[in-house]
N, C-alpha and C. Protein backbone atom coordinates (compact mmCIF):
# COMPACT_ATOMS: atom_id res chain seq x y z
N LEU A 1 118.84 104.23 113.64
CA LEU A 1 118.73 102.83 112.38
C LEU A 1 117.80 102.76 111.87
N GLN A 2 117.91 102.08 110.52
CA GLN A 2 116.93 101.94 109.62
C GLN A 2 116.43 101.00 109.85
N CYS A 3 115.42 100.80 109.35
CA CYS A 3 115.46 98.47 108.87
C CYS A 3 114.00 98.95 107.83
N TRP A 4 114.51 98.34 107.18
CA TRP A 4 113.06 98.06 105.92
C TRP A 4 113.10 96.81 105.20
N ALA A 5 112.15 96.90 104.96
CA ALA A 5 112.03 95.07 104.39
C ALA A 5 111.34 95.25 102.87
N TRP A 6 111.34 94.35 102.16
CA TRP A 6 110.13 94.48 100.96
C TRP A 6 109.39 93.61 100.45
N GLY A 7 108.31 92.82 100.00
CA GLY A 7 108.05 91.53 100.06
C GLY A 7 106.89 91.51 99.90
N LYS A 8 105.88 90.69 98.96
CA LYS A 8 104.45 90.68 98.79
C LYS A 8 103.77 89.20 98.78
N PRO A 9 102.66 89.33 99.88
CA PRO A 9 102.58 90.97 100.77
C PRO A 9 103.17 90.73 101.35
N ARG A 10 102.88 92.57 101.54
CA ARG A 10 104.03 93.46 101.95
C ARG A 10 104.41 93.63 103.15
N PRO A 11 105.38 93.03 104.03
CA PRO A 11 105.09 93.15 105.29
C PRO A 11 105.59 94.40 106.33
N LEU A 12 104.83 93.18 107.93
CA LEU A 12 104.64 94.65 108.91
C LEU A 12 106.19 94.40 109.16
N LEU A 13 106.73 95.58 109.70
CA LEU A 13 108.09 95.51 110.30
C LEU A 13 107.53 96.15 111.69
N GLU A 14 109.06 95.13 112.43
CA GLU A 14 108.96 95.78 114.16
C GLU A 14 110.39 95.62 115.03
N CYS A 15 110.53 96.34 115.17
CA CYS A 15 111.59 96.73 115.74
C CYS A 15 111.83 97.06 117.49
N SER A 16 113.14 96.62 118.31
CA SER A 16 112.90 96.53 119.21
C SER A 16 114.37 96.67 120.57
N ARG A 17 114.59 97.10 120.78
CA ARG A 17 115.49 97.02 121.98
C ARG A 17 115.28 96.28 123.16
N ALA A 18 115.87 95.17 123.84
CA ALA A 18 115.79 94.41 125.29
C ALA A 18 114.28 94.28 125.79
N GLY A 19 113.59 94.11 124.22
CA GLY A 19 112.03 93.90 124.21
C GLY A 19 111.18 94.46 124.26
N GLU A 20 111.47 96.09 125.00
CA GLU A 20 110.41 97.10 124.53
C GLU A 20 110.72 97.13 122.44
N PRO A 21 109.01 98.25 122.06
CA PRO A 21 109.16 98.82 120.84
C PRO A 21 110.38 99.48 120.58
N PHE A 22 110.69 99.89 119.65
CA PHE A 22 112.13 100.59 118.88
C PHE A 22 111.05 101.32 117.89
N PRO A 23 111.20 102.77 117.87
CA PRO A 23 111.04 103.63 116.48
C PRO A 23 112.04 103.69 115.64
N ALA A 24 112.43 103.07 114.32
CA ALA A 24 113.88 102.70 113.70
C ALA A 24 113.20 104.13 112.64
N GLY A 25 114.07 104.66 111.57
CA GLY A 25 114.50 105.83 111.23
C GLY A 25 113.95 106.85 111.92
N GLU A 26 113.78 107.38 113.11
CA GLU A 26 114.01 108.16 113.50
C GLU A 26 115.34 109.18 114.26
N LEU A 27 115.91 110.13 113.68
CA LEU A 27 116.87 110.71 113.66
C LEU A 27 117.09 111.49 115.39
N ARG A 28 118.08 111.22 115.99
CA ARG A 28 118.79 111.98 117.23
C ARG A 28 119.57 111.10 117.30
N PRO A 29 120.46 112.03 118.47
CA PRO A 29 122.60 112.45 118.85
C PRO A 29 122.04 110.76 119.64
N ALA A 30 123.23 109.74 119.62
CA ALA A 30 123.02 108.92 120.55
C ALA A 30 124.01 108.76 121.55
N THR A 31 123.34 108.19 122.08
CA THR A 31 124.19 108.56 124.23
C THR A 31 124.99 107.09 124.19
N ARG A 32 125.66 106.89 125.16
CA ARG A 32 125.46 105.37 125.21
C ARG A 32 125.04 104.40 126.65
N ALA A 33 123.89 105.40 125.89
CA ALA A 33 122.22 105.07 127.01
C ALA A 33 121.60 103.64 125.46
N HIS A 34 121.95 104.75 124.36
CA HIS A 34 121.54 103.41 123.47
C HIS A 34 122.22 102.34 122.83
N ALA A 35 123.85 102.06 123.61
CA ALA A 35 124.52 100.90 123.05
C ALA A 35 123.03 99.81 123.71
N GLY A 36 123.23 98.38 122.81
CA GLY A 36 122.58 97.67 122.65
C GLY A 36 122.30 96.56 121.89
N THR A 37 121.76 95.89 122.04
CA THR A 37 121.00 94.99 120.28
C THR A 37 119.87 95.34 120.69
N TYR A 38 119.31 95.51 119.03
CA TYR A 38 118.29 96.26 117.98
C TYR A 38 118.47 94.80 117.68
N VAL A 39 116.21 94.39 117.34
CA VAL A 39 115.84 93.73 116.59
C VAL A 39 115.54 93.80 115.43
N CYS A 40 114.90 93.50 114.68
CA CYS A 40 114.28 93.58 113.49
C CYS A 40 113.41 92.67 112.92
N SER A 41 112.42 92.87 112.76
CA SER A 41 111.46 91.28 112.65
C SER A 41 110.47 91.87 110.95
N ALA A 42 109.94 91.24 109.87
CA ALA A 42 109.43 91.33 109.08
C ALA A 42 108.41 90.26 108.34
N THR A 43 107.05 90.39 108.93
CA THR A 43 106.47 89.57 109.29
C THR A 43 105.44 89.09 107.60
N ASN A 44 105.02 88.42 107.36
CA ASN A 44 104.07 89.03 106.02
C ASN A 44 103.65 87.02 106.39
N ARG A 45 101.98 87.26 105.90
CA ARG A 45 101.85 85.61 106.02
C ARG A 45 102.32 84.26 105.15
N LEU A 46 104.41 84.92 104.84
CA LEU A 46 104.74 83.50 103.74
C LEU A 46 106.16 83.63 104.85
N GLY A 47 105.89 84.30 106.19
CA GLY A 47 106.94 83.53 107.20
C GLY A 47 107.68 85.59 107.80
N THR A 48 108.66 84.47 108.46
CA THR A 48 109.52 86.12 108.94
C THR A 48 110.78 85.91 108.40
N ALA A 49 110.96 87.49 109.06
CA ALA A 49 112.54 87.21 108.92
C ALA A 49 112.95 88.44 109.85
N VAL A 50 113.94 88.06 110.87
CA VAL A 50 114.69 88.50 111.55
C VAL A 50 116.04 88.88 111.83
N ARG A 51 116.26 90.18 112.40
CA ARG A 51 117.73 90.62 111.74
C ARG A 51 118.17 91.60 112.96
N SER A 52 119.46 91.47 113.59
CA SER A 52 119.83 91.86 114.51
C SER A 52 121.26 92.74 114.70
N VAL A 53 121.08 93.55 115.15
CA VAL A 53 122.26 94.54 115.09
C VAL A 53 123.03 94.84 116.33
N THR A 54 124.20 95.09 116.83
CA THR A 54 124.78 95.31 118.35
C THR A 54 125.41 96.80 118.15
N VAL A 55 125.09 97.24 118.80
CA VAL A 55 125.30 99.36 119.21
C VAL A 55 126.09 99.34 120.50
N SER A 56 127.41 100.62 119.69
CA SER A 56 127.94 100.11 120.66
C SER A 56 128.08 102.15 120.46
N VAL A 57 128.27 102.69 121.42
CA VAL A 57 128.87 104.14 121.53
C VAL A 57 130.24 104.52 122.17
N SER A 58 130.50 104.50 121.50
CA SER A 58 132.04 105.76 122.52
C SER A 58 132.06 106.37 122.18
N ARG A 59 131.59 107.43 121.65
CA ARG A 59 131.86 109.12 122.11
C ARG A 59 130.23 109.60 122.10
N GLU A 60 129.64 109.79 122.88
CA GLU A 60 128.52 110.85 123.27
C GLU A 60 128.35 112.48 121.37
N CYS A 61 127.89 112.77 121.59
CA CYS A 61 127.57 113.66 120.44
C CYS A 61 126.96 114.65 121.69
N ARG A 62 127.00 115.97 121.85
CA ARG A 62 126.85 117.64 122.97
C ARG A 62 126.18 117.93 122.27
N GLY A 63 126.63 118.15 121.36
CA GLY A 63 126.33 119.69 120.63
C GLY A 63 124.86 119.20 119.23
N GLY A 64 124.22 118.27 119.46
CA GLY A 64 122.86 117.49 118.45
C GLY A 64 123.00 117.46 117.24
N LEU A 65 122.33 117.30 116.05
CA LEU A 65 122.80 116.79 115.34
C LEU A 65 122.55 118.55 113.87
N GLY A 66 124.20 118.40 113.74
CA GLY A 66 123.29 119.24 112.21
C GLY A 66 124.21 120.85 113.26
N THR A 67 124.68 120.86 114.43
CA THR A 67 125.14 121.77 115.17
C THR A 67 126.83 122.03 115.71
N GLY A 68 127.27 121.29 114.05
CA GLY A 68 129.05 121.24 114.80
C GLY A 68 129.86 120.30 115.96
N GLY A 69 128.86 120.37 116.62
CA GLY A 69 129.17 119.44 117.99
C GLY A 69 129.61 117.91 118.45
N CYS A 70 129.05 117.36 117.24
CA CYS A 70 129.73 116.24 117.24
C CYS A 70 130.95 115.28 116.33
């Protein structure tokens, strides 16, 4: 997942899944365990913006990224 925000002052970005911090932007193969709702929030002194996305995984990648196994 990728999550980004811009503003002045620059916002602090935080992403989570099931209440636990989630490092957005890291490439990795998706498994069914990654299914769920992800929430990203961007906060600065002027306020907070929150977005959520629900991910479902219908097929797992067995060969890894870039190996032709997906």
